[in-house]
Amino acid sequence: MKDLSLKPVDESGPDPEHVAIIMDGNGRWAQSRGLPRTAGHKRGAEAVKRTIRAAGELGIRYLTLFGFSSENWQRPESEIRDLMALLRFYLINNINELVDEGVKLKVVGDRSRLPDDTVTMIDNAEERTSSNERLVLTIALSYGSRQELVSAAQQLAQDARAGLINPEDITESVFADRLYTRGIPDPDLLIRTSGEQRVSNFLLWQLAYTELVFTETRWPDFGFNDLEHALSEFRRRERRYGTVAG
């Protein structure tokens, strides 16, 4: 019998232009060490910095991180306060680095539920990085994909009722232009950390043809080697988009 294990692995495929990551495992990382969940979130923020830097070094043009879901508002108030404080700390202390590294920041999600001072900081960070082109960093905050899809449908329904658009003219591209992620290409690769294998209401429209990679690494431990390994796995995939193999 032929030993298939000796077959060389083909990694000649292209690198992804857009990588999305569900950052999971902060709480479990902390719990396994007998630490409070806030310690896991702080280490997770360090992993964000490492991953942004690694993405730039690996030539990724778009990086999208799932930071806080619409469902996360159901967490204890004390944890939410700590997460918002950590976000503000990150924006204050890392904005200059984002500017210097050529990173353009975009935040997507329902900002109406975020604290006013946090929204002001986000607006400022987006403005200061708006001309950067090396890497587009999108952070999903107070984000839920079903909410995003309903909002897009409502906008189009209102425009149709007002006579601004004919229902038969609503195409996939027209619909996509009403999403939070308009102007950003769909992810080529989605990574989820901490061993979970689901997309958890994240970018449901945008992930239609995205390759999925799941890793046991918890988010606070994620770094350059983990990202590089996921890119290596991506290169092995044959992306057919519904067609037959060549």
Protein backbone atom coordinates (compact mmCIF):
# COMPACT_ATOMS: atom_id res chain seq x y z
CA MET A 1 0.00 0.00 0.00
CA LYS A 2 1.29 3.44 -0.92
CA ASP A 3 2.42 5.52 2.06
CA LEU A 4 0.40 8.73 1.66
CA SER A 5 2.21 10.31 4.60
CA LEU A 6 5.23 10.80 2.34
CA LYS A 7 3.26 12.89 -0.13
CA PRO A 8 4.69 16.41 -0.16
CA VAL A 9 2.42 19.16 1.11
CA ASP A 10 1.59 21.80 -1.49
CA GLU A 11 1.79 25.27 0.04
CA SER A 12 2.05 27.09 -3.26
CA GLY A 13 -1.29 28.83 -2.89
CA PRO A 14 -1.51 32.61 -2.39
CA ASP A 15 -1.51 34.26 0.99
CA PRO A 16 -4.80 35.69 2.24
CA GLU A 17 -5.40 39.39 1.75
CA HIS A 18 -7.91 39.59 4.59
CA VAL A 19 -7.71 37.61 7.85
CA ALA A 20 -10.48 37.70 10.46
CA ILE A 21 -10.00 36.37 13.99
CA ILE A 22 -12.45 35.41 16.71
CA MET A 23 -10.36 36.10 19.80
CA ASP A 24 -11.52 33.45 22.26
CA GLY A 25 -10.15 32.08 25.51
CA ASN A 26 -9.24 35.05 27.71
CA GLY A 27 -11.41 33.86 30.59
CA ARG A 28 -10.28 30.24 30.37
CA TRP A 29 -6.66 31.34 30.17
CA ALA A 30 -7.07 33.27 33.42
CA GLN A 31 -9.10 30.55 35.14
CA SER A 32 -6.49 27.91 34.38
CA ARG A 33 -3.95 30.06 36.23
CA GLY A 34 -6.16 30.96 39.17
CA LEU A 35 -6.40 34.57 38.02
CA PRO A 36 -9.41 36.90 37.62
CA ARG A 37 -10.95 37.20 34.15
CA THR A 38 -9.63 40.76 33.91
CA ALA A 39 -6.09 39.36 33.88
CA GLY A 40 -7.01 37.30 30.83
CA HIS A 41 -8.43 40.35 29.08
CA LYS A 42 -5.25 42.33 29.78
CA ARG A 43 -3.09 39.57 28.34
CA GLY A 44 -5.52 39.37 25.44
CA ALA A 45 -4.88 43.06 24.71
CA GLU A 46 -1.16 42.27 24.50
CA ALA A 47 -1.98 39.51 22.01
CA VAL A 48 -3.85 42.09 19.92
CA LYS A 49 -0.70 44.20 19.69
CA ARG A 50 1.42 41.15 18.77
CA THR A 51 -1.01 40.05 16.11
CA ILE A 52 -1.30 43.47 14.49
CA ARG A 53 2.47 43.63 14.28
CA ALA A 54 2.68 40.07 12.93
CA ALA A 55 0.01 40.77 10.31
CA GLY A 56 2.01 43.70 9.01
CA GLU A 57 5.19 41.64 8.88
CA LEU A 58 3.42 38.81 7.04
CA GLY A 59 1.96 41.10 4.39
CA ILE A 60 -1.69 40.89 5.40
CA ARG A 61 -3.60 43.91 4.09
CA TYR A 62 -6.79 43.59 6.14
CA LEU A 63 -7.13 42.28 9.69
CA THR A 64 -10.52 42.06 11.41
CA LEU A 65 -10.78 41.22 15.11
CA PHE A 66 -13.96 40.26 16.96
CA GLY A 67 -13.52 42.25 20.15
CA PHE A 68 -16.94 42.46 21.82
CA SER A 69 -20.20 40.95 20.60
CA SER A 70 -23.74 42.25 21.03
CA GLU A 71 -24.32 39.19 23.24
CA ASN A 72 -21.42 40.17 25.50
CA TRP A 73 -23.56 42.96 26.98
CA GLN A 74 -25.19 40.19 29.04
CA ARG A 75 -21.95 39.67 30.99
CA PRO A 76 -21.59 41.00 34.56
CA GLU A 77 -21.48 44.80 34.71
CA SER A 78 -18.11 44.75 36.45
CA GLU A 79 -16.55 42.77 33.59
CA ILE A 80 -18.07 45.09 30.99
CA ARG A 81 -16.67 48.13 32.84
CA ASP A 82 -13.24 46.51 32.91
CA LEU A 83 -13.42 45.73 29.18
CA MET A 84 -14.44 49.29 28.30
CA ALA A 85 -11.66 50.67 30.50
CA LEU A 86 -9.19 48.37 28.77
CA LEU A 87 -10.40 49.55 25.37
CA ARG A 88 -9.94 53.18 26.36
CA PHE A 89 -6.48 52.39 27.72
CA TYR A 90 -5.56 50.70 24.43
CA LEU A 91 -6.79 53.62 22.32
CA ILE A 92 -4.94 56.17 24.45
CA ASN A 93 -1.65 54.31 24.65
CA ASN A 94 -1.41 52.75 21.19
CA ILE A 95 -2.81 55.33 18.79
CA ASN A 96 0.63 56.81 18.07
CA GLU A 97 1.99 53.35 17.27
CA LEU A 98 -0.89 52.69 14.87
CA VAL A 99 -0.18 55.98 13.13
CA ASP A 100 3.56 55.30 12.91
CA GLU A 101 3.04 51.72 11.65
CA GLY A 102 0.67 52.76 8.87
CA VAL A 103 -2.37 51.05 10.38
CA LYS A 104 -5.82 52.38 9.49
CA LEU A 105 -8.36 51.71 12.26
CA LYS A 106 -12.04 51.04 11.63
CA VAL A 107 -14.51 50.09 14.34
CA VAL A 108 -17.76 48.39 13.31
CA GLY A 109 -20.84 47.61 15.37
CA ASP A 110 -23.61 49.33 17.30
CA ARG A 111 -21.92 52.37 18.85
CA SER A 112 -25.13 53.54 20.50
CA ARG A 113 -24.51 51.12 23.38
CA LEU A 114 -20.91 52.21 23.96
CA PRO A 115 -20.04 54.89 26.55
CA ASP A 116 -19.88 58.39 25.08
CA ASP A 117 -16.23 58.92 25.99
CA THR A 118 -15.32 55.62 24.33
CA VAL A 119 -17.12 56.63 21.12
CA THR A 120 -15.24 59.94 21.13
CA MET A 121 -11.91 58.10 21.45
CA ILE A 122 -12.87 55.74 18.61
CA ASP A 123 -13.83 58.66 16.37
CA ASN A 124 -10.51 60.35 17.12
CA ALA A 125 -8.49 57.20 16.46
CA GLU A 126 -10.27 56.59 13.15
CA GLU A 127 -9.66 60.17 12.09
CA ARG A 128 -5.97 60.12 13.01
CA THR A 129 -5.33 56.89 11.10
CA SER A 130 -7.64 57.57 8.15
CA SER A 131 -4.85 58.17 5.63
CA ASN A 132 -2.85 55.03 6.52
CA GLU A 133 -2.68 52.25 3.93
CA ARG A 134 -0.25 49.55 5.11
CA LEU A 135 -2.85 47.60 7.08
CA VAL A 136 -6.58 48.13 7.61
CA LEU A 137 -7.44 47.03 11.13
CA THR A 138 -11.15 46.51 11.75
CA ILE A 139 -12.34 45.86 15.29
CA ALA A 140 -15.89 44.59 15.79
CA LEU A 141 -17.34 46.10 18.98
CA SER A 142 -20.92 45.70 20.19
CA TYR A 143 -21.26 43.70 16.99
CA GLY A 144 -23.70 40.99 15.97
CA SER A 145 -24.00 39.79 12.39
CA ARG A 146 -27.75 39.15 12.50
CA GLN A 147 -28.22 42.68 13.83
CA GLU A 148 -26.06 43.97 10.98
CA LEU A 149 -28.12 42.09 8.36
CA VAL A 150 -31.43 43.30 9.80
CA SER A 151 -30.13 46.88 9.81
CA ALA A 152 -29.10 46.60 6.15
CA ALA A 153 -32.51 45.19 5.21
CA GLN A 154 -34.29 47.99 7.08
CA GLN A 155 -32.23 50.65 5.29
CA LEU A 156 -33.08 49.19 1.89
CA ALA A 157 -36.76 48.81 2.80
CA GLN A 158 -36.91 52.47 3.84
CA ASP A 159 -35.20 53.56 0.62
CA ALA A 160 -37.60 51.44 -1.44
CA ARG A 161 -40.63 52.92 0.38
CA ALA A 162 -39.26 56.42 -0.29
CA GLY A 163 -38.85 55.60 -3.98
CA LEU A 164 -35.06 55.89 -3.86
CA ILE A 165 -34.47 52.34 -5.09
CA ASN A 166 -36.48 49.70 -6.92
CA PRO A 167 -36.65 46.33 -5.12
CA GLU A 168 -35.57 44.53 -8.31
CA ASP A 169 -32.38 46.63 -8.33
CA ILE A 170 -31.25 45.25 -4.97
CA THR A 171 -28.27 43.02 -5.78
CA GLU A 172 -25.68 41.35 -3.59
CA SER A 173 -23.31 44.27 -4.05
CA VAL A 174 -26.04 46.81 -3.23
CA PHE A 175 -26.88 44.87 -0.08
CA ALA A 176 -23.20 44.56 0.90
CA ASP A 177 -22.85 48.34 0.65
CA ARG A 178 -25.32 48.67 3.55
CA LEU A 179 -23.25 46.48 5.87
CA TYR A 180 -20.84 47.82 8.50
CA THR A 181 -17.97 46.35 6.47
CA ARG A 182 -18.70 48.17 3.22
CA GLY A 183 -15.53 48.92 1.32
CA ILE A 184 -13.66 46.02 2.93
CA PRO A 185 -13.15 42.78 0.98
CA ASP A 186 -14.63 39.62 2.44
CA PRO A 187 -12.22 37.62 4.63
CA ASP A 188 -10.15 34.95 2.91
CA LEU A 189 -9.35 33.27 6.21
CA LEU A 190 -11.10 33.09 9.57
CA ILE A 191 -9.16 31.95 12.65
CA ARG A 192 -10.83 31.06 15.92
CA THR A 193 -8.73 30.44 18.99
CA SER A 194 -9.25 28.32 22.10
CA GLY A 195 -10.58 25.21 20.38
CA GLU A 196 -14.16 26.31 19.69
CA GLN A 197 -15.43 25.50 16.19
CA ARG A 198 -18.26 27.89 15.39
CA VAL A 199 -18.58 31.41 14.00
CA SER A 200 -20.77 32.83 16.83
CA ASN A 201 -22.81 35.38 14.87
CA PHE A 202 -19.70 36.93 13.31
CA LEU A 203 -19.64 38.19 9.69
CA LEU A 204 -22.29 35.70 8.54
CA TRP A 205 -22.69 37.35 5.12
CA GLN A 206 -19.00 38.04 4.63
CA LEU A 207 -17.83 34.50 5.50
CA ALA A 208 -19.71 32.84 2.63
CA TYR A 209 -16.52 31.53 0.97
CA THR A 210 -14.00 32.04 3.76
CA GLU A 211 -11.58 29.27 4.78
CA LEU A 212 -11.84 28.38 8.47
CA VAL A 213 -8.94 27.45 10.73
CA PHE A 214 -9.43 26.50 14.39
CA THR A 215 -6.60 26.42 16.89
CA GLU A 216 -6.42 25.16 20.47
CA THR A 217 -4.22 28.15 21.40
CA ARG A 218 -6.04 30.51 23.75
CA TRP A 219 -6.06 34.11 22.63
CA PRO A 220 -3.67 35.50 25.31
CA ASP A 221 -0.99 33.07 24.03
CA PHE A 222 -1.59 33.78 20.32
CA GLY A 223 1.33 35.26 18.41
CA PHE A 224 3.41 35.35 15.25
CA ASN A 225 3.96 31.59 15.01
CA ASP A 226 0.24 30.85 15.42
CA LEU A 227 -0.68 33.31 12.69
CA GLU A 228 2.03 31.99 10.40
CA HIS A 229 0.81 28.43 10.96
CA ALA A 230 -2.75 29.44 10.01
CA LEU A 231 -1.44 31.08 6.82
CA SER A 232 0.45 27.88 5.99
CA GLU A 233 -2.78 25.90 6.40
CA PHE A 234 -4.59 28.39 4.18
CA ARG A 235 -2.06 27.95 1.36
CA ARG A 236 -2.84 24.23 1.28
CA ARG A 237 -6.52 24.82 0.59
CA GLU A 238 -8.02 24.71 -2.88
CA ARG A 239 -10.62 27.46 -3.07
CA ARG A 240 -13.24 26.56 -5.67
CA TYR A 241 -16.10 28.99 -4.96
CA GLY A 242 -18.65 26.35 -5.97
CA THR A 243 -16.80 25.20 -9.11
CA VAL A 244 -15.14 21.87 -9.82
CA ALA A 245 -11.44 21.21 -9.29
CA GLY A 246 -9.13 22.30 -12.04
